[in-house]
Amino acid sequence: MEIFDLVVIGGGPGGYLAAERAGHAGLKTVVIEKREFGGVCLNEGCVPSKTFLNSAKVLDYANHAEVYGVKVDGEKTIDQKAVVERKKGVVKMLVSGVKAQLKRNKVKTVSAEAFIEGKNDDGFIIKAGEEKYVGKRLIIATGSMPVVPPIQGLKENVESGYVMTNREILDLEVIPKTLTIIGGGVIGLEMASYFSSVGTKVTVVEMLTKIAGPTEAEISGILQKSLEKKGVEFKLGAKVVAVEKDGVVYEKDGKTEKVVAEKVLLSIGRRAVTQGYGLENINVNLERGAIVTDEQMRTNVANVYAVGDVNGKIMLAHTAYREAEVAVNTILGKKDAMRYNVIPSVIYTNPEVGSVGETEESAKAKGLDVKCVNIPLTYSGRYIAENSDLNGICKIVVNNKTNTLIGAHIIGSYSGEYIVAVSAMIDLEVDIENIKKLVFPHPTVCEIVREAIFQI
């Protein structure tokens, strides 16, 4: 059995980046992945869905070209098969890039299912295919999978293909005439945005009374109205009780109703993948099905770490990236820790939503003395020049005691690109007076942050 400084189980964002960083630092590293390197994010999540959404955005521009003084003759349609083929090309390129980076950093890659057999004096024994590897340290990055709740008829219709998850819908080569989406979270809304743009009649059934989960309430309200203008219908406060062969049955206000649809997307959340890897053989602690970790990504077992969706904290690829770096830095003896309060989130609909930190409601619930500013994105010249729908807003939350920014929530073009600047301001606890001295390029949409700061 070959002995490694580090064995990484899982080749998704958290796993492959941990392996890259460890290899670059000189640790003898092996990463084991049973499916495709790049994980859900590169193969069936973040990246593929963005190729879809960009195609929809181009189509939206074409359909509204005359607003911008551009004449486009003839019918504007989508070639779904071509969209899927382009998606495959993008994925292939990025997965190849991941493998090249691992090779460049002298990381051994193994395509097999890993199983932890136990521990000996040399380290943790991992069986992968016909081979066994020993790791002095172990990083678990096995990711997550879609939640399939015990709803009548759901499992059977998933197996038949009538109900899709994020994996199947991104390979769909024929646009359905009607689509019902169970769940009004990020994945559901992004797919609602895409398919409504390409001509599908979309209905979203959500158990909560608002969409987009923890997203700031006014922002989610604006997003809902924008999607409704595209023809998306929302059934909020609606509990799905059954899935039949031709539609979804739900209860709302004491009444039972049904939405008939050609296809159904199940998008109500994801759960950590912790079964079948032998975690019980080394007694790793789980809580609600996820691996328990501290701020250094350490588990209860010495020299065992868990990064990414498997720890159930914030299931976003960029969270996994940072967790991977924290874990490797801890292994190397460098002081580091996760700061989950500065993790940004983005909903890649059209318009985009970018969020980070506290909302006014969450800050007040924590007893913080805050001041909030809410301004329209029409303060930005570029935003007005490039958009026909001018409903975007920027909301910031300032801690009066520390005079620092602790939250920002924006709906509008490019918000997913510049929310990182706000994250940095929050993370570094930059004083408001110093933020006022920063120079933003003009004209840009990100100037809206500076405008909001000057309204305090």
Foldseek 3Di string as FASTA:
>chain_A
DAEWQEEEEAQALLRLLLLLVLLQVPTAYEYEHQDAHRPCCLQQDVQLLVLLQVQLVVLVCVVVVVVLVDDDDDDRADQLQVSLVVSVVSSVVVSVVSVVSSVVSVYHYHHFHWAFQAADPRATWIDGPPDIYGHNFYEYEHAWDDDQDPAAARVVCVVVVQEAESRVVSNDRDQWQEEEEEAQAQVSLSVLLSNLSRHHQYEYEHLAQFHHPPADGVQRVVSVVVSVVSRYHYHYNWAFRYADPFWTWIDHPNDIDTDGTSGYYYDHDIAADDPPRHCVNHPFDDDPQAGDAAFLQDTPGPNYGYAACRNVDDHDSVRSSVSSVSNSCVSVVHDDGDDQQLDWDWRVHVFIKIKGFDDPVRCVVVVFDKDKFKDFLVVAPVQVSPDPDRRKMKMWIAGPVLQFTGIIIITGPPNNPCSVVVSVRNVVRPHLVVVLVDDDDPRDSVCNVNVRSVVD
